[in-house]
Amino acid sequence: MDADPNINAGQPSPNVTDALDLYVHRYLAPQGDDRRTLLLLHGTGGDENDLIQLGQMLAPDAGLLSPRGTVLEAGAARFFRRHSEGVFDLPDLHARTKDLVAFVGAAAAKYAFDPAQVVAVGFSNGANIATSVLLSSPQSLASAVLFRPMVPFVPEQPVSLTGKRVLIGAGETDTVVPKGHPDRLSELLRVLGADVTVVWQPAGHSLSRADVSAAYEWLNPSPPEA
C-alpha cells in the first residue's frame, strides 16, 4: 500500500528542519479561503489521526496540523509526562511546550501557512499543553479551543494575552478534571487579558455533540446584522 502523503513519519529529510521531525504528524492544506490552521492536540492515548474529523467539522476550509504526542505512558501517547493523575511533571511540560512551539514554527515554514493564524484545538492532555503554550509563548497562538482542560501551572512572570480568544469546554460530570479547574483557568486567562468563554455541558470527560456545536459557533461567528 502506498504511504499516505498527508502523514509525516518523523524520519529525517534534507528538506525538513529538525524541529519538524520532532513529531509524527499530519498536515492537511486548507480547502478554501480560510487562512487559519487548526493545531489539533489529542488526549492521552490518541494519535495524529484522532482529531482530524473534529477539525474538519469545526473549520471545514481551514488547514489542519495534527501532531502525535512523543511521551508514552503505558503505551499511550501524551504530550508531556505526569507523576500521577492530575499531577504534572512541570520541567517536562515546559520542555515539551518549547518543542511544540518550535515544531509549529517549522511546520509553518514547511507548509507555507500563516504562523499568526494558528488556532489550537486541544482535548484533555492536548488542551493542557495548548494552555501551556498560551502561558509561556502566547505569540504562537491566535486563539484556542480547550476541551476539558486543567490549570497546568501559574506563570511566575505574567504574560499578556490581550487579543487572544479562548473557549473552555467543561463537563458538569467530568471525574477527571478536578472541580474548580475550569473556573480557575478562565479567571487566570482573563487576568492576563484573554477574552474567555466558558461553556459547561451536561457531560463527563468525553466530548459531546453539544461541545462540537458550541465550538463551531464560537470559531465561526455569524456576521452582525446590518
N, C-alpha and C. Protein backbone atom coordinates (compact mmCIF):
# COMPACT_ATOMS: atom_id res chain seq x y z
N MET A 1 0.85 -1.18 0.00
CA MET A 1 0.00 0.00 0.00
C MET A 1 0.89 1.24 0.00
N ASP A 2 0.54 2.24 -0.82
CA ASP A 2 1.32 3.47 -0.87
C ASP A 2 1.18 4.23 0.44
N ALA A 3 2.22 4.95 0.81
CA ALA A 3 2.18 5.75 2.02
C ALA A 3 1.21 6.91 1.84
N ASP A 4 0.55 7.27 2.93
CA ASP A 4 -0.38 8.40 2.91
C ASP A 4 0.45 9.68 2.81
N PRO A 5 0.28 10.50 1.77
CA PRO A 5 1.08 11.71 1.63
C PRO A 5 0.77 12.74 2.71
N ASN A 6 -0.35 12.57 3.44
CA ASN A 6 -0.67 13.52 4.50
C ASN A 6 0.01 13.17 5.81
N ILE A 7 0.77 12.07 5.85
CA ILE A 7 1.41 11.65 7.07
C ILE A 7 2.91 11.84 6.95
N ASN A 8 3.49 12.55 7.91
CA ASN A 8 4.94 12.67 8.01
C ASN A 8 5.37 11.75 9.13
N ALA A 9 6.16 10.74 8.83
CA ALA A 9 6.51 9.72 9.81
C ALA A 9 7.64 10.13 10.73
N GLY A 10 8.08 11.37 10.65
CA GLY A 10 9.11 11.82 11.56
C GLY A 10 10.50 11.39 11.18
N GLN A 11 10.69 10.92 9.96
CA GLN A 11 12.01 10.49 9.53
C GLN A 11 12.82 11.68 9.04
N PRO A 12 14.14 11.68 9.28
CA PRO A 12 14.96 12.81 8.83
C PRO A 12 14.86 13.00 7.32
N SER A 13 14.86 14.25 6.89
CA SER A 13 14.79 14.57 5.48
C SER A 13 15.63 15.82 5.24
N PRO A 14 16.36 15.89 4.16
CA PRO A 14 17.17 17.08 3.90
C PRO A 14 16.33 18.32 3.68
N ASN A 15 15.02 18.15 3.43
CA ASN A 15 14.15 19.30 3.16
C ASN A 15 13.30 19.70 4.36
N VAL A 16 13.50 19.04 5.50
CA VAL A 16 12.69 19.28 6.68
C VAL A 16 13.60 19.64 7.84
N THR A 17 13.23 20.68 8.58
CA THR A 17 14.06 21.08 9.70
C THR A 17 13.99 20.05 10.83
N ASP A 18 14.97 20.11 11.72
CA ASP A 18 14.98 19.19 12.86
C ASP A 18 13.71 19.34 13.69
N ALA A 19 13.24 20.58 13.88
CA ALA A 19 12.06 20.80 14.70
C ALA A 19 10.83 20.12 14.10
N LEU A 20 10.72 20.09 12.78
CA LEU A 20 9.58 19.44 12.15
C LEU A 20 9.62 17.93 12.39
N ASP A 21 10.82 17.39 12.58
CA ASP A 21 10.97 15.96 12.80
C ASP A 21 10.67 15.55 14.24
N LEU A 22 10.35 16.51 15.10
CA LEU A 22 10.08 16.18 16.49
C LEU A 22 8.83 15.33 16.64
N TYR A 23 7.87 15.52 15.75
CA TYR A 23 6.58 14.85 15.90
C TYR A 23 6.17 14.12 14.64
N VAL A 24 5.72 12.89 14.79
CA VAL A 24 4.92 12.27 13.73
C VAL A 24 3.67 13.13 13.61
N HIS A 25 3.27 13.47 12.39
CA HIS A 25 2.15 14.38 12.26
C HIS A 25 1.46 14.25 10.92
N ARG A 26 0.29 14.86 10.85
CA ARG A 26 -0.42 15.02 9.58
C ARG A 26 -0.66 16.50 9.35
N TYR A 27 -0.55 16.89 8.10
CA TYR A 27 -0.91 18.24 7.70
C TYR A 27 -1.85 18.15 6.51
N LEU A 28 -3.00 18.82 6.62
CA LEU A 28 -3.95 18.91 5.53
C LEU A 28 -4.09 20.37 5.14
N ALA A 29 -3.85 20.65 3.88
CA ALA A 29 -3.89 22.03 3.39
C ALA A 29 -5.32 22.56 3.43
N PRO A 30 -5.48 23.88 3.54
CA PRO A 30 -6.82 24.47 3.55
C PRO A 30 -7.57 24.18 2.27
N GLN A 31 -8.89 24.06 2.41
CA GLN A 31 -9.74 23.74 1.26
C GLN A 31 -10.48 24.93 0.70
N GLY A 32 -10.19 26.11 1.24
CA GLY A 32 -10.88 27.31 0.79
C GLY A 32 -10.08 28.55 1.15
N ASP A 33 -10.78 29.63 1.43
CA ASP A 33 -10.13 30.91 1.72
C ASP A 33 -9.79 31.11 3.19
N ASP A 34 -10.12 30.15 4.03
CA ASP A 34 -9.84 30.27 5.46
C ASP A 34 -8.33 30.20 5.68
N ARG A 35 -7.73 31.26 6.20
CA ARG A 35 -6.28 31.32 6.39
C ARG A 35 -5.85 30.69 7.71
N ARG A 36 -6.79 30.27 8.52
CA ARG A 36 -6.43 29.68 9.80
C ARG A 36 -5.87 28.27 9.62
N THR A 37 -5.03 27.88 10.56
CA THR A 37 -4.57 26.50 10.67
C THR A 37 -4.93 26.01 12.06
N LEU A 38 -5.72 24.94 12.15
CA LEU A 38 -6.05 24.37 13.44
C LEU A 38 -4.94 23.43 13.88
N LEU A 39 -4.37 23.70 15.04
CA LEU A 39 -3.37 22.82 15.65
C LEU A 39 -4.13 21.84 16.53
N LEU A 40 -4.25 20.60 16.08
CA LEU A 40 -5.08 19.60 16.73
C LEU A 40 -4.24 18.79 17.71
N LEU A 41 -4.60 18.83 18.99
CA LEU A 41 -3.81 18.21 20.05
C LEU A 41 -4.67 17.20 20.80
N HIS A 42 -4.36 15.95 20.59
CA HIS A 42 -5.18 14.84 21.10
C HIS A 42 -5.02 14.64 22.61
N GLY A 43 -5.90 13.82 23.16
CA GLY A 43 -5.80 13.44 24.57
C GLY A 43 -4.93 12.21 24.75
N THR A 44 -4.76 11.78 26.00
CA THR A 44 -3.94 10.62 26.30
C THR A 44 -4.43 9.39 25.54
N GLY A 45 -3.50 8.73 24.86
CA GLY A 45 -3.85 7.54 24.10
C GLY A 45 -4.25 7.81 22.67
N GLY A 46 -4.28 9.09 22.27
CA GLY A 46 -4.65 9.41 20.89
C GLY A 46 -3.44 9.41 19.98
N ASP A 47 -3.65 9.86 18.76
CA ASP A 47 -2.55 9.98 17.81
C ASP A 47 -2.88 11.10 16.82
N GLU A 48 -2.09 11.19 15.78
CA GLU A 48 -2.24 12.28 14.82
C GLU A 48 -3.52 12.19 13.99
N ASN A 49 -4.23 11.08 14.08
CA ASN A 49 -5.47 10.91 13.32
C ASN A 49 -6.72 11.26 14.13
N ASP A 50 -6.60 11.28 15.44
CA ASP A 50 -7.77 11.33 16.32
C ASP A 50 -8.69 12.52 16.08
N LEU A 51 -8.13 13.70 15.92
CA LEU A 51 -8.95 14.90 15.87
C LEU A 51 -9.12 15.47 14.47
N ILE A 52 -8.68 14.73 13.45
CA ILE A 52 -8.81 15.23 12.07
C ILE A 52 -10.27 15.48 11.72
N GLN A 53 -11.14 14.53 12.00
CA GLN A 53 -12.55 14.71 11.66
C GLN A 53 -13.15 15.87 12.45
N LEU A 54 -12.77 15.99 13.72
CA LEU A 54 -13.25 17.11 14.53
C LEU A 54 -12.81 18.43 13.91
N GLY A 55 -11.55 18.52 13.51
CA GLY A 55 -11.05 19.74 12.89
C GLY A 55 -11.81 20.10 11.63
N GLN A 56 -12.13 19.08 10.81
CA GLN A 56 -12.87 19.32 9.58
C GLN A 56 -14.29 19.79 9.87
N MET A 57 -14.86 19.34 10.99
CA MET A 57 -16.19 19.78 11.37
C MET A 57 -16.17 21.21 11.90
N LEU A 58 -15.11 21.58 12.63
CA LEU A 58 -15.06 22.89 13.26
C LEU A 58 -14.72 24.00 12.28
N ALA A 59 -13.85 23.72 11.33
CA ALA A 59 -13.43 24.74 10.36
C ALA A 59 -13.18 24.04 9.03
N PRO A 60 -14.23 23.79 8.24
CA PRO A 60 -14.12 22.95 7.04
C PRO A 60 -13.10 23.44 6.02
N ASP A 61 -12.84 24.73 5.97
CA ASP A 61 -11.94 25.26 4.95
C ASP A 61 -10.53 25.57 5.47
N ALA A 62 -10.30 25.35 6.74
CA ALA A 62 -9.01 25.69 7.34
C ALA A 62 -7.99 24.58 7.11
N GLY A 63 -6.72 24.93 7.26
CA GLY A 63 -5.67 23.92 7.27
C GLY A 63 -5.66 23.19 8.61
N LEU A 64 -5.14 21.97 8.61
CA LEU A 64 -5.09 21.17 9.83
C LEU A 64 -3.68 20.66 10.05
N LEU A 65 -3.16 20.85 11.25
CA LEU A 65 -1.85 20.34 11.64
C LEU A 65 -2.05 19.51 12.89
N SER A 66 -1.75 18.22 12.80
CA SER A 66 -2.08 17.31 13.89
C SER A 66 -0.87 16.46 14.26
N PRO A 67 -0.15 16.81 15.34
CA PRO A 67 1.00 16.01 15.77
C PRO A 67 0.60 14.91 16.75
N ARG A 68 1.45 13.91 16.86
CA ARG A 68 1.27 12.85 17.85
C ARG A 68 2.18 13.13 19.04
N GLY A 69 1.66 13.05 20.24
CA GLY A 69 2.47 13.25 21.43
C GLY A 69 3.65 12.29 21.48
N THR A 70 4.76 12.77 22.01
CA THR A 70 6.01 12.00 21.98
C THR A 70 6.29 11.24 23.27
N VAL A 71 5.45 11.41 24.28
CA VAL A 71 5.63 10.71 25.55
C VAL A 71 4.71 9.50 25.59
N LEU A 72 5.24 8.39 26.04
CA LEU A 72 4.41 7.19 26.18
C LEU A 72 4.20 6.88 27.65
N GLU A 73 2.94 6.68 28.01
CA GLU A 73 2.57 6.29 29.37
C GLU A 73 1.81 4.97 29.27
N ALA A 74 2.48 3.88 29.65
CA ALA A 74 1.90 2.54 29.50
C ALA A 74 1.43 2.32 28.06
N GLY A 75 2.23 2.81 27.12
CA GLY A 75 1.92 2.63 25.70
C GLY A 75 1.00 3.68 25.11
N ALA A 76 0.49 4.58 25.94
CA ALA A 76 -0.44 5.62 25.46
C ALA A 76 0.32 6.91 25.21
N ALA A 77 0.12 7.49 24.02
CA ALA A 77 0.83 8.73 23.66
C ALA A 77 0.26 9.92 24.42
N ARG A 78 1.17 10.76 24.90
CA ARG A 78 0.83 12.01 25.57
C ARG A 78 1.78 13.10 25.10
N PHE A 79 1.44 14.35 25.42
CA PHE A 79 2.31 15.46 25.03
C PHE A 79 3.32 15.82 26.11
N PHE A 80 3.12 15.36 27.34
CA PHE A 80 4.10 15.59 28.41
C PHE A 80 3.86 14.57 29.52
N ARG A 81 4.86 14.43 30.37
CA ARG A 81 4.79 13.44 31.45
C ARG A 81 3.99 13.97 32.64
N ARG A 82 3.52 13.04 33.43
CA ARG A 82 2.87 13.38 34.69
C ARG A 82 3.31 12.36 35.74
N HIS A 83 3.26 12.78 37.00
CA HIS A 83 3.64 11.88 38.10
C HIS A 83 2.48 10.97 38.48
N SER A 84 1.28 11.50 38.39
CA SER A 84 0.05 10.75 38.67
C SER A 84 -1.09 11.54 38.07
N GLU A 85 -2.30 11.03 38.18
CA GLU A 85 -3.48 11.71 37.63
C GLU A 85 -3.57 13.12 38.20
N GLY A 86 -3.47 14.12 37.33
CA GLY A 86 -3.60 15.49 37.75
C GLY A 86 -2.36 16.12 38.35
N VAL A 87 -1.27 15.36 38.44
CA VAL A 87 -0.01 15.89 38.99
C VAL A 87 1.02 15.89 37.88
N PHE A 88 1.29 17.05 37.32
CA PHE A 88 2.12 17.15 36.12
C PHE A 88 3.60 17.26 36.46
N ASP A 89 4.42 16.71 35.57
CA ASP A 89 5.87 16.88 35.64
C ASP A 89 6.18 18.22 34.99
N LEU A 90 6.29 19.27 35.78
CA LEU A 90 6.37 20.62 35.23
C LEU A 90 7.65 20.87 34.42
N PRO A 91 8.84 20.40 34.86
CA PRO A 91 10.01 20.59 33.99
C PRO A 91 9.82 19.94 32.62
N ASP A 92 9.20 18.75 32.60
CA ASP A 92 8.96 18.09 31.32
C ASP A 92 7.92 18.85 30.52
N LEU A 93 6.88 19.35 31.17
CA LEU A 93 5.86 20.13 30.48
C LEU A 93 6.48 21.36 29.81
N HIS A 94 7.34 22.06 30.53
CA HIS A 94 7.95 23.26 29.97
C HIS A 94 8.85 22.90 28.77
N ALA A 95 9.60 21.81 28.89
CA ALA A 95 10.48 21.41 27.78
C ALA A 95 9.67 20.97 26.57
N ARG A 96 8.60 20.20 26.80
CA ARG A 96 7.78 19.72 25.68
C ARG A 96 7.01 20.88 25.04
N THR A 97 6.66 21.88 25.83
CA THR A 97 5.98 23.06 25.28
C THR A 97 6.91 23.79 24.31
N LYS A 98 8.16 23.94 24.69
CA LYS A 98 9.14 24.57 23.80
C LYS A 98 9.28 23.76 22.51
N ASP A 99 9.29 22.43 22.64
CA ASP A 99 9.36 21.57 21.45
C ASP A 99 8.18 21.82 20.53
N LEU A 100 6.98 21.89 21.12
CA LEU A 100 5.77 22.07 20.31
C LEU A 100 5.79 23.42 19.60
N VAL A 101 6.22 24.46 20.30
CA VAL A 101 6.30 25.78 19.69
C VAL A 101 7.27 25.77 18.52
N ALA A 102 8.43 25.13 18.71
CA ALA A 102 9.41 25.03 17.63
C ALA A 102 8.85 24.24 16.45
N PHE A 103 8.12 23.18 16.74
CA PHE A 103 7.53 22.35 15.69
C PHE A 103 6.52 23.15 14.87
N VAL A 104 5.67 23.92 15.53
CA VAL A 104 4.66 24.70 14.80
C VAL A 104 5.35 25.72 13.90
N GLY A 105 6.40 26.35 14.40
CA GLY A 105 7.14 27.31 13.58
C GLY A 105 7.76 26.66 12.36
N ALA A 106 8.34 25.47 12.55
CA ALA A 106 8.94 24.75 11.43
C ALA A 106 7.88 24.29 10.44
N ALA A 107 6.71 23.87 10.97
CA ALA A 107 5.63 23.42 10.09
C ALA A 107 5.10 24.59 9.26
N ALA A 108 5.01 25.77 9.86
CA ALA A 108 4.54 26.95 9.12
C ALA A 108 5.48 27.24 7.95
N ALA A 109 6.79 27.10 8.18
CA ALA A 109 7.75 27.34 7.10
C ALA A 109 7.66 26.26 6.03
N LYS A 110 7.51 25.02 6.45
CA LYS A 110 7.47 23.90 5.50
C LYS A 110 6.20 23.91 4.66
N TYR A 111 5.06 24.12 5.30
CA TYR A 111 3.78 24.00 4.61
C TYR A 111 3.21 25.35 4.18
N ALA A 112 3.94 26.43 4.46
CA ALA A 112 3.58 27.78 3.98
C ALA A 112 2.22 28.24 4.49
N PHE A 113 1.97 28.04 5.81
CA PHE A 113 0.77 28.64 6.39
C PHE A 113 1.19 29.79 7.29
N ASP A 114 0.23 30.65 7.61
CA ASP A 114 0.50 31.86 8.38
C ASP A 114 0.64 31.51 9.87
N PRO A 115 1.83 31.69 10.46
CA PRO A 115 2.00 31.35 11.88
C PRO A 115 1.20 32.25 12.82
N ALA A 116 0.72 33.38 12.31
CA ALA A 116 -0.09 34.27 13.12
C ALA A 116 -1.57 33.88 13.14
N GLN A 117 -1.91 32.82 12.39
CA GLN A 117 -3.31 32.39 12.29
C GLN A 117 -3.49 30.96 12.79
N VAL A 118 -2.67 30.56 13.77
CA VAL A 118 -2.76 29.20 14.32
C VAL A 118 -3.74 29.19 15.49
N VAL A 119 -4.71 28.29 15.42
CA VAL A 119 -5.72 28.13 16.45
C VAL A 119 -5.57 26.74 17.06
N ALA A 120 -5.25 26.66 18.34
CA ALA A 120 -5.14 25.36 18.99
C ALA A 120 -6.52 24.80 19.29
N VAL A 121 -6.69 23.51 19.02
CA VAL A 121 -7.89 22.78 19.43
C VAL A 121 -7.38 21.55 20.18
N GLY A 122 -7.50 21.59 21.50
CA GLY A 122 -6.94 20.51 22.31
C GLY A 122 -7.99 19.85 23.18
N PHE A 123 -7.80 18.55 23.38
CA PHE A 123 -8.68 17.78 24.26
C PHE A 123 -7.85 17.20 25.40
N SER A 124 -8.26 17.46 26.64
CA SER A 124 -7.65 16.85 27.82
C SER A 124 -6.14 17.13 27.87
N ASN A 125 -5.30 16.12 27.73
CA ASN A 125 -3.85 16.34 27.73
C ASN A 125 -3.44 17.33 26.65
N GLY A 126 -4.08 17.27 25.50
CA GLY A 126 -3.79 18.22 24.43
C GLY A 126 -4.22 19.63 24.78
N ALA A 127 -5.35 19.76 25.50
CA ALA A 127 -5.79 21.08 25.95
C ALA A 127 -4.82 21.65 26.97
N ASN A 128 -4.25 20.79 27.79
CA ASN A 128 -3.33 21.26 28.82
C ASN A 128 -2.03 21.77 28.22
N ILE A 129 -1.50 21.10 27.20
CA ILE A 129 -0.28 21.63 26.60
C ILE A 129 -0.59 22.87 25.75
N ALA A 130 -1.78 22.95 25.19
CA ALA A 130 -2.17 24.18 24.48
C ALA A 130 -2.22 25.35 25.46
N THR A 131 -2.75 25.11 26.66
CA THR A 131 -2.77 26.15 27.68
C THR A 131 -1.35 26.54 28.07
N SER A 132 -0.47 25.55 28.16
CA SER A 132 0.93 25.83 28.48
C SER A 132 1.57 26.72 27.42
N VAL A 133 1.23 26.49 26.15
CA VAL A 133 1.74 27.36 25.07
C VAL A 133 1.22 28.78 25.27
N LEU A 134 -0.06 28.92 25.58
CA LEU A 134 -0.63 30.26 25.81
C LEU A 134 0.10 30.98 26.94
N LEU A 135 0.42 30.25 28.01
CA LEU A 135 1.00 30.86 29.20
C LEU A 135 2.50 31.12 29.08
N SER A 136 3.16 30.47 28.12
CA SER A 136 4.61 30.62 28.02
C SER A 136 5.06 31.20 26.68
N SER A 137 4.25 31.05 25.65
CA SER A 137 4.62 31.55 24.33
C SER A 137 3.36 32.03 23.61
N PRO A 138 2.68 33.03 24.16
CA PRO A 138 1.37 33.44 23.64
C PRO A 138 1.38 33.88 22.18
N GLN A 139 2.53 34.34 21.69
CA GLN A 139 2.60 34.77 20.30
C GLN A 139 2.44 33.61 19.33
N SER A 140 2.53 32.37 19.83
CA SER A 140 2.45 31.20 18.96
C SER A 140 1.02 30.82 18.59
N LEU A 141 0.03 31.37 19.30
CA LEU A 141 -1.38 31.02 19.05
C LEU A 141 -2.22 32.28 18.90
N ALA A 142 -3.12 32.24 17.92
CA ALA A 142 -4.07 33.34 17.77
C ALA A 142 -5.23 33.18 18.73
N SER A 143 -5.64 31.94 18.95
CA SER A 143 -6.75 31.64 19.84
C SER A 143 -6.69 30.15 20.17
N ALA A 144 -7.60 29.70 21.04
CA ALA A 144 -7.55 28.30 21.46
C ALA A 144 -8.93 27.81 21.87
N VAL A 145 -9.20 26.57 21.50
CA VAL A 145 -10.38 25.84 21.97
C VAL A 145 -9.86 24.74 22.90
N LEU A 146 -10.23 24.82 24.17
CA LEU A 146 -9.71 23.91 25.18
C LEU A 146 -10.85 23.05 25.71
N PHE A 147 -10.87 21.79 25.29
CA PHE A 147 -11.88 20.86 25.77
C PHE A 147 -11.34 20.11 26.99
N ARG A 148 -12.04 20.22 28.12
CA ARG A 148 -11.73 19.51 29.37
C ARG A 148 -10.32 19.81 29.87
N PRO A 149 -9.96 21.11 29.98
CA PRO A 149 -8.61 21.45 30.43
C PRO A 149 -8.50 21.54 31.95
N MET A 150 -7.26 21.54 32.41
CA MET A 150 -6.92 21.85 33.80
C MET A 150 -6.01 23.07 33.81
N VAL A 151 -5.70 23.56 35.00
CA VAL A 151 -4.69 24.62 35.13
C VAL A 151 -3.34 23.93 35.19
N PRO A 152 -2.52 24.04 34.14
CA PRO A 152 -1.24 23.30 34.16
C PRO A 152 -0.23 23.91 35.11
N PHE A 153 -0.20 25.24 35.18
CA PHE A 153 0.68 25.97 36.09
C PHE A 153 0.28 27.44 36.05
N VAL A 154 0.75 28.17 37.04
CA VAL A 154 0.57 29.62 37.05
C VAL A 154 1.92 30.24 36.74
N PRO A 155 2.03 31.03 35.69
CA PRO A 155 3.34 31.57 35.31
C PRO A 155 3.93 32.47 36.40
N GLU A 156 5.26 32.34 36.60
CA GLU A 156 5.94 33.17 37.60
C GLU A 156 5.94 34.63 37.16
N GLN A 157 6.12 34.84 35.88
CA GLN A 157 6.09 36.19 35.32
C GLN A 157 4.84 36.33 34.46
N PRO A 158 4.00 37.30 34.73
CA PRO A 158 2.77 37.43 33.94
C PRO A 158 3.05 37.71 32.47
N VAL A 159 2.25 37.10 31.61
CA VAL A 159 2.34 37.34 30.18
C VAL A 159 1.08 38.07 29.74
N SER A 160 1.14 38.67 28.57
CA SER A 160 -0.03 39.38 28.05
C SER A 160 -0.77 38.49 27.06
N LEU A 161 -2.03 38.26 27.36
CA LEU A 161 -2.90 37.51 26.45
C LEU A 161 -3.94 38.43 25.82
N THR A 162 -3.66 39.71 25.84
CA THR A 162 -4.57 40.67 25.22
C THR A 162 -4.74 40.36 23.74
N GLY A 163 -5.98 40.30 23.30
CA GLY A 163 -6.27 39.98 21.91
C GLY A 163 -6.46 38.51 21.65
N LYS A 164 -6.19 37.65 22.65
CA LYS A 164 -6.37 36.21 22.48
C LYS A 164 -7.78 35.81 22.88
N ARG A 165 -8.43 35.00 22.05
CA ARG A 165 -9.74 34.45 22.37
C ARG A 165 -9.57 32.99 22.78
N VAL A 166 -10.26 32.60 23.86
CA VAL A 166 -10.16 31.24 24.36
C VAL A 166 -11.55 30.72 24.69
N LEU A 167 -11.84 29.51 24.21
CA LEU A 167 -13.07 28.81 24.57
C LEU A 167 -12.70 27.63 25.45
N ILE A 168 -13.33 27.54 26.60
CA ILE A 168 -13.14 26.40 27.50
C ILE A 168 -14.41 25.57 27.49
N GLY A 169 -14.29 24.33 27.09
CA GLY A 169 -15.42 23.41 27.09
C GLY A 169 -15.31 22.48 28.29
N ALA A 170 -16.19 22.65 29.27
CA ALA A 170 -16.13 21.90 30.52
C ALA A 170 -17.31 20.96 30.65
N GLY A 171 -17.11 19.87 31.39
CA GLY A 171 -18.16 18.88 31.60
C GLY A 171 -18.66 18.91 33.04
N GLU A 172 -19.96 19.00 33.23
CA GLU A 172 -20.52 19.10 34.58
C GLU A 172 -20.28 17.83 35.40
N THR A 173 -20.16 16.68 34.73
CA THR A 173 -19.95 15.42 35.45
C THR A 173 -18.57 14.83 35.16
N ASP A 174 -17.63 15.69 34.79
CA ASP A 174 -16.27 15.25 34.49
C ASP A 174 -15.59 14.79 35.78
N THR A 175 -15.17 13.52 35.82
CA THR A 175 -14.50 12.98 37.01
C THR A 175 -12.98 12.98 36.86
N VAL A 176 -12.46 13.46 35.73
CA VAL A 176 -11.01 13.52 35.51
C VAL A 176 -10.46 14.89 35.87
N VAL A 177 -11.13 15.94 35.41
CA VAL A 177 -10.71 17.31 35.72
C VAL A 177 -11.23 17.67 37.11
N PRO A 178 -10.33 18.02 38.04
CA PRO A 178 -10.78 18.38 39.39
C PRO A 178 -11.77 19.55 39.37
N LYS A 179 -12.73 19.50 40.26
CA LYS A 179 -13.73 20.55 40.33
C LYS A 179 -13.04 21.89 40.58
N GLY A 180 -13.52 22.89 39.91
CA GLY A 180 -12.96 24.22 40.09
C GLY A 180 -11.90 24.60 39.08
N HIS A 181 -11.30 23.61 38.41
CA HIS A 181 -10.23 23.93 37.47
C HIS A 181 -10.70 24.77 36.28
N PRO A 182 -11.82 24.44 35.64
CA PRO A 182 -12.25 25.28 34.52
C PRO A 182 -12.43 26.75 34.92
N ASP A 183 -13.06 26.99 36.08
CA ASP A 183 -13.27 28.36 36.52
C ASP A 183 -11.95 29.02 36.91
N ARG A 184 -11.07 28.28 37.55
CA ARG A 184 -9.75 28.84 37.91
C ARG A 184 -8.96 29.19 36.66
N LEU A 185 -9.03 28.31 35.66
CA LEU A 185 -8.30 28.57 34.42
C LEU A 185 -8.86 29.79 33.71
N SER A 186 -10.18 29.89 33.65
CA SER A 186 -10.79 31.04 32.97
C SER A 186 -10.40 32.33 33.67
N GLU A 187 -10.38 32.34 35.00
CA GLU A 187 -10.01 33.54 35.74
C GLU A 187 -8.55 33.90 35.50
N LEU A 188 -7.66 32.90 35.48
CA LEU A 188 -6.25 33.15 35.22
C LEU A 188 -6.06 33.77 33.84
N LEU A 189 -6.70 33.20 32.84
CA LEU A 189 -6.55 33.72 31.48
C LEU A 189 -7.14 35.12 31.34
N ARG A 190 -8.26 35.37 32.01
CA ARG A 190 -8.88 36.70 31.94
C ARG A 190 -7.97 37.75 32.60
N VAL A 191 -7.39 37.40 33.74
CA VAL A 191 -6.50 38.34 34.42
C VAL A 191 -5.33 38.72 33.51
N LEU A 192 -4.90 37.78 32.67
CA LEU A 192 -3.78 38.04 31.76
C LEU A 192 -4.24 38.75 30.48
N GLY A 193 -5.53 38.98 30.35
CA GLY A 193 -6.02 39.79 29.23
C GLY A 193 -6.79 39.06 28.16
N ALA A 194 -6.96 37.75 28.28
CA ALA A 194 -7.66 36.99 27.25
C ALA A 194 -9.17 37.21 27.31
N ASP A 195 -9.80 37.06 26.16
CA ASP A 195 -11.26 37.08 26.05
C ASP A 195 -11.71 35.62 26.15
N VAL A 196 -12.25 35.24 27.32
CA VAL A 196 -12.52 33.84 27.61
C VAL A 196 -14.02 33.56 27.65
N THR A 197 -14.41 32.49 26.98
CA THR A 197 -15.78 31.99 27.04
C THR A 197 -15.75 30.60 27.64
N VAL A 198 -16.55 30.36 28.66
CA VAL A 198 -16.65 29.04 29.27
C VAL A 198 -18.03 28.47 28.97
N VAL A 199 -18.06 27.27 28.40
CA VAL A 199 -19.33 26.61 28.10
C VAL A 199 -19.36 25.29 28.86
N TRP A 200 -20.31 25.17 29.77
CA TRP A 200 -20.49 23.94 30.53
C TRP A 200 -21.51 23.04 29.81
N GLN A 201 -21.18 21.77 29.74
CA GLN A 201 -22.08 20.80 29.12
C GLN A 201 -22.49 19.75 30.14
N PRO A 202 -23.70 19.20 30.03
CA PRO A 202 -24.12 18.11 30.90
C PRO A 202 -23.47 16.80 30.43
N ALA A 203 -22.16 16.74 30.60
CA ALA A 203 -21.38 15.62 30.08
C ALA A 203 -20.20 15.37 31.00
N GLY A 204 -19.52 14.23 30.75
CA GLY A 204 -18.34 13.88 31.52
C GLY A 204 -17.07 14.35 30.81
N HIS A 205 -16.05 13.48 30.81
CA HIS A 205 -14.78 13.87 30.22
C HIS A 205 -14.78 13.74 28.70
N SER A 206 -15.70 12.95 28.16
CA SER A 206 -15.76 12.76 26.71
C SER A 206 -16.45 13.94 26.04
N LEU A 207 -16.10 14.15 24.77
CA LEU A 207 -16.74 15.21 24.01
C LEU A 207 -18.15 14.83 23.63
N SER A 208 -19.03 15.82 23.60
CA SER A 208 -20.42 15.60 23.21
C SER A 208 -20.71 16.37 21.93
N ARG A 209 -21.83 16.09 21.31
CA ARG A 209 -22.25 16.83 20.13
C ARG A 209 -22.41 18.32 20.47
N ALA A 210 -22.87 18.59 21.68
CA ALA A 210 -23.05 19.97 22.10
C ALA A 210 -21.71 20.70 22.19
N ASP A 211 -20.66 19.99 22.61
CA ASP A 211 -19.32 20.58 22.64
C ASP A 211 -18.91 21.02 21.24
N VAL A 212 -19.12 20.14 20.28
CA VAL A 212 -18.72 20.42 18.90
C VAL A 212 -19.52 21.60 18.35
N SER A 213 -20.83 21.60 18.60
CA SER A 213 -21.67 22.70 18.10
C SER A 213 -21.26 24.03 18.70
N ALA A 214 -20.99 24.04 20.01
CA ALA A 214 -20.59 25.28 20.66
C ALA A 214 -19.27 25.79 20.12
N ALA A 215 -18.33 24.86 19.89
CA ALA A 215 -17.02 25.26 19.37
C ALA A 215 -17.14 25.77 17.94
N TYR A 216 -17.99 25.13 17.14
CA TYR A 216 -18.18 25.59 15.76
C TYR A 216 -18.72 27.02 15.75
N GLU A 217 -19.73 27.28 16.55
CA GLU A 217 -20.33 28.62 16.58
C GLU A 217 -19.34 29.65 17.09
N TRP A 218 -18.49 29.27 18.05
CA TRP A 218 -17.51 30.19 18.59
C TRP A 218 -16.41 30.50 17.56
N LEU A 219 -16.00 29.48 16.82
CA LEU A 219 -14.96 29.66 15.81
C LEU A 219 -15.48 30.36 14.56
N ASN A 220 -16.77 30.24 14.30
CA ASN A 220 -17.33 30.79 13.08
C ASN A 220 -18.56 31.65 13.41
N PRO A 221 -18.35 32.76 14.09
CA PRO A 221 -19.50 33.58 14.49
C PRO A 221 -20.22 34.17 13.28
N SER A 222 -21.52 34.27 13.43
CA SER A 222 -22.32 34.87 12.35
C SER A 222 -22.02 36.36 12.28
N PRO A 223 -21.97 36.91 11.06
CA PRO A 223 -21.71 38.35 10.94
C PRO A 223 -22.87 39.14 11.54
N PRO A 224 -22.59 40.28 12.14
CA PRO A 224 -23.68 41.09 12.72
C PRO A 224 -24.65 41.55 11.65
N GLU A 225 -25.91 41.64 12.06
CA GLU A 225 -26.94 42.08 11.12
C GLU A 225 -26.75 43.57 10.81
N ALA A 226 -27.03 43.92 9.57
CA ALA A 226 -26.89 45.32 9.14
C ALA A 226 -27.93 46.18 9.81
